[in-house]
């Protein structure tokens, strides 16, 4: 259940971030409302995940997956481009999360 909560937190964070671009600096009311609601839901589920997942692990996964998924949405929905350094940087972020989860013994999870 804890990873379901974390997954929902990530999904709603990506929704909020994606609609932030559509809100045009919070000048459009519907996308702005979606941003606020999505982040409220995001942080609610993130707080539930933190009851059982260590903060460092949860935040690393939340941040890394949020970055990658939001970048994918920026390409697909907003027609933005990712260059090689951006892709390499995202791969390094994911590698860091994998190292934390698979190899680190500093935090039990």
C-alpha atoms as a PDB file:
ATOM      1  CA  UNK A   1       0.000   0.000   0.000  1.00  0.00           C
ATOM      2  CA  UNK A   2       2.877   2.363   0.782  1.00  0.00           C
ATOM      3  CA  UNK A   3       4.127   2.291  -2.804  1.00  0.00           C
ATOM      4  CA  UNK A   4       0.608   2.822  -4.104  1.00  0.00           C
ATOM      5  CA  UNK A   5       0.470   6.022  -2.031  1.00  0.00           C
ATOM      6  CA  UNK A   6       3.871   7.078  -3.382  1.00  0.00           C
ATOM      7  CA  UNK A   7       2.782   6.314  -6.945  1.00  0.00           C
ATOM      8  CA  UNK A   8      -0.363   8.398  -6.522  1.00  0.00           C
ATOM      9  CA  UNK A   9       1.726  11.238  -5.078  1.00  0.00           C
ATOM     10  CA  UNK A  10       4.003  11.107  -8.120  1.00  0.00           C
ATOM     11  CA  UNK A  11       1.098  10.998 -10.570  1.00  0.00           C
ATOM     12  CA  UNK A  12      -0.597  14.020  -8.995  1.00  0.00           C
ATOM     13  CA  UNK A  13       2.704  15.919  -8.797  1.00  0.00           C
ATOM     14  CA  UNK A  14       3.194  15.365 -12.525  1.00  0.00           C
ATOM     15  CA  UNK A  15      -0.383  16.480 -13.209  1.00  0.00           C
ATOM     16  CA  UNK A  16       0.152  19.612 -11.114  1.00  0.00           C
ATOM     17  CA  UNK A  17       3.449  20.447 -12.778  1.00  0.00           C
ATOM     18  CA  UNK A  18       2.062  19.859 -16.245  1.00  0.00           C
ATOM     19  CA  UNK A  19      -0.951  22.063 -15.661  1.00  0.00           C
ATOM     20  CA  UNK A  20       1.258  24.763 -14.150  1.00  0.00           C
ATOM     21  CA  UNK A  21       2.587  25.379 -17.651  1.00  0.00           C
ATOM     22  CA  UNK A  22      -0.984  25.462 -18.986  1.00  0.00           C
ATOM     23  CA  UNK A  23      -2.020  27.936 -16.280  1.00  0.00           C
ATOM     24  CA  UNK A  24       0.122  30.603 -17.990  1.00  0.00           C
ATOM     25  CA  UNK A  25       1.462  32.051 -14.754  1.00  0.00           C
ATOM     26  CA  UNK A  26      -1.826  31.320 -12.935  1.00  0.00           C
ATOM     27  CA  UNK A  27      -3.659  33.638 -15.317  1.00  0.00           C
ATOM     28  CA  UNK A  28      -6.049  30.908 -16.520  1.00  0.00           C
ATOM     29  CA  UNK A  29      -8.456  29.816 -13.818  1.00  0.00           C
ATOM     30  CA  UNK A  30      -9.158  26.167 -14.778  1.00  0.00           C
ATOM     31  CA  UNK A  31      -5.544  25.008 -15.194  1.00  0.00           C
ATOM     32  CA  UNK A  32      -4.661  26.999 -12.041  1.00  0.00           C
ATOM     33  CA  UNK A  33      -7.382  25.215 -10.092  1.00  0.00           C
ATOM     34  CA  UNK A  34      -6.142  21.852 -11.359  1.00  0.00           C
ATOM     35  CA  UNK A  35      -2.612  22.742 -10.196  1.00  0.00           C
ATOM     36  CA  UNK A  36      -3.789  23.553  -6.675  1.00  0.00           C
ATOM     37  CA  UNK A  37      -6.014  20.483  -6.372  1.00  0.00           C
ATOM     38  CA  UNK A  38      -3.374  18.163  -7.835  1.00  0.00           C
ATOM     39  CA  UNK A  39      -0.721  19.394  -5.397  1.00  0.00           C
ATOM     40  CA  UNK A  40      -3.061  19.055  -2.409  1.00  0.00           C
ATOM     41  CA  UNK A  41      -3.796  15.469  -3.405  1.00  0.00           C
ATOM     42  CA  UNK A  42      -0.105  14.871  -4.150  1.00  0.00           C
ATOM     43  CA  UNK A  43       1.057  15.998  -0.732  1.00  0.00           C
ATOM     44  CA  UNK A  44      -1.729  14.087   0.998  1.00  0.00           C
ATOM     45  CA  UNK A  45      -0.636  10.808  -0.605  1.00  0.00           C
ATOM     46  CA  UNK A  46       3.036  11.666  -0.094  1.00  0.00           C
ATOM     47  CA  UNK A  47       2.377  12.164   3.616  1.00  0.00           C
ATOM     48  CA  UNK A  48       0.694   8.744   3.770  1.00  0.00           C
ATOM     49  CA  UNK A  49       3.656   7.137   2.001  1.00  0.00           C
ATOM     50  CA  UNK A  50       6.040   8.752   4.495  1.00  0.00           C
ATOM     51  CA  UNK A  51       4.398   6.865   7.352  1.00  0.00           C
ATOM     52  CA  UNK A  52       6.218   3.729   6.222  1.00  0.00           C
ATOM     53  CA  UNK A  53       8.819   4.724   3.600  1.00  0.00           C
ATOM     54  CA  UNK A  54      11.937   6.557   4.809  1.00  0.00           C
ATOM     55  CA  UNK A  55      11.943  10.227   3.782  1.00  0.00           C
ATOM     56  CA  UNK A  56      15.179  10.077   1.782  1.00  0.00           C
ATOM     57  CA  UNK A  57      14.066   7.073  -0.252  1.00  0.00           C
ATOM     58  CA  UNK A  58      10.535   8.390  -0.833  1.00  0.00           C
ATOM     59  CA  UNK A  59      11.684  11.875  -1.787  1.00  0.00           C
ATOM     60  CA  UNK A  60      14.348  10.545  -4.150  1.00  0.00           C
ATOM     61  CA  UNK A  61      11.818   8.350  -5.944  1.00  0.00           C
ATOM     62  CA  UNK A  62       9.173  11.104  -5.975  1.00  0.00           C
ATOM     63  CA  UNK A  63      11.611  13.659  -7.342  1.00  0.00           C
ATOM     64  CA  UNK A  64      13.269  11.415  -9.913  1.00  0.00           C
ATOM     65  CA  UNK A  65      10.101   9.970 -11.371  1.00  0.00           C
ATOM     66  CA  UNK A  66       8.438  13.372 -11.268  1.00  0.00           C
ATOM     67  CA  UNK A  67      11.299  14.892 -13.258  1.00  0.00           C
ATOM     68  CA  UNK A  68      11.338  12.169 -15.888  1.00  0.00           C
ATOM     69  CA  UNK A  69       7.561  11.940 -16.325  1.00  0.00           C
ATOM     70  CA  UNK A  70       7.152  15.714 -16.438  1.00  0.00           C
ATOM     71  CA  UNK A  71       9.915  15.920 -19.045  1.00  0.00           C
ATOM     72  CA  UNK A  72       8.153  13.285 -21.141  1.00  0.00           C
ATOM     73  CA  UNK A  73       4.889  15.239 -20.903  1.00  0.00           C
ATOM     74  CA  UNK A  74       6.717  18.426 -21.896  1.00  0.00           C
ATOM     75  CA  UNK A  75       7.846  16.698 -25.086  1.00  0.00           C
ATOM     76  CA  UNK A  76       4.538  14.995 -25.901  1.00  0.00           C
ATOM     77  CA  UNK A  77       2.037  17.679 -24.874  1.00  0.00           C
ATOM     78  CA  UNK A  78       3.962  20.946 -25.177  1.00  0.00           C
ATOM     79  CA  UNK A  79       6.243  19.932 -28.053  1.00  0.00           C
ATOM     80  CA  UNK A  80       9.347  20.927 -26.100  1.00  0.00           C
ATOM     81  CA  UNK A  81      12.719  19.420 -26.926  1.00  0.00           C
ATOM     82  CA  UNK A  82      15.158  17.520 -24.711  1.00  0.00           C
ATOM     83  CA  UNK A  83      18.814  17.609 -25.651  1.00  0.00           C
ATOM     84  CA  UNK A  84      21.415  14.966 -24.882  1.00  0.00           C
ATOM     85  CA  UNK A  85      22.687  16.632 -21.660  1.00  0.00           C
ATOM     86  CA  UNK A  86      19.107  16.764 -20.323  1.00  0.00           C
ATOM     87  CA  UNK A  87      18.565  13.097 -21.081  1.00  0.00           C
ATOM     88  CA  UNK A  88      21.923  12.125 -19.572  1.00  0.00           C
ATOM     89  CA  UNK A  89      21.110  14.175 -16.467  1.00  0.00           C
ATOM     90  CA  UNK A  90      17.781  12.408 -16.044  1.00  0.00           C
ATOM     91  CA  UNK A  91      19.500   9.042 -16.477  1.00  0.00           C
ATOM     92  CA  UNK A  92      21.963  10.000 -13.733  1.00  0.00           C
ATOM     93  CA  UNK A  93      19.090  10.973 -11.433  1.00  0.00           C
ATOM     94  CA  UNK A  94      17.429   7.610 -12.022  1.00  0.00           C
ATOM     95  CA  UNK A  95      20.762   5.844 -11.479  1.00  0.00           C
ATOM     96  CA  UNK A  96      21.124   7.642  -8.161  1.00  0.00           C
ATOM     97  CA  UNK A  97      17.688   6.502  -7.022  1.00  0.00           C
ATOM     98  CA  UNK A  98      18.497   2.939  -8.041  1.00  0.00           C
ATOM     99  CA  UNK A  99      21.774   3.043  -6.093  1.00  0.00           C
ATOM    100  CA  UNK A 100      19.920   4.339  -3.020  1.00  0.00           C
ATOM    101  CA  UNK A 101      17.249   1.660  -3.253  1.00  0.00           C
ATOM    102  CA  UNK A 102      19.351  -1.327  -4.261  1.00  0.00           C
ATOM    103  CA  UNK A 103      22.758  -0.793  -2.676  1.00  0.00           C
ATOM    104  CA  UNK A 104      22.535   1.621   0.240  1.00  0.00           C
ATOM    105  CA  UNK A 105      22.368   0.180   3.718  1.00  0.00           C
ATOM    106  CA  UNK A 106      22.096   3.552   5.462  1.00  0.00           C
ATOM    107  CA  UNK A 107      18.322   3.492   5.266  1.00  0.00           C
ATOM    108  CA  UNK A 108      16.222   0.418   5.662  1.00  0.00           C
ATOM    109  CA  UNK A 109      13.144   0.152   3.501  1.00  0.00           C
END
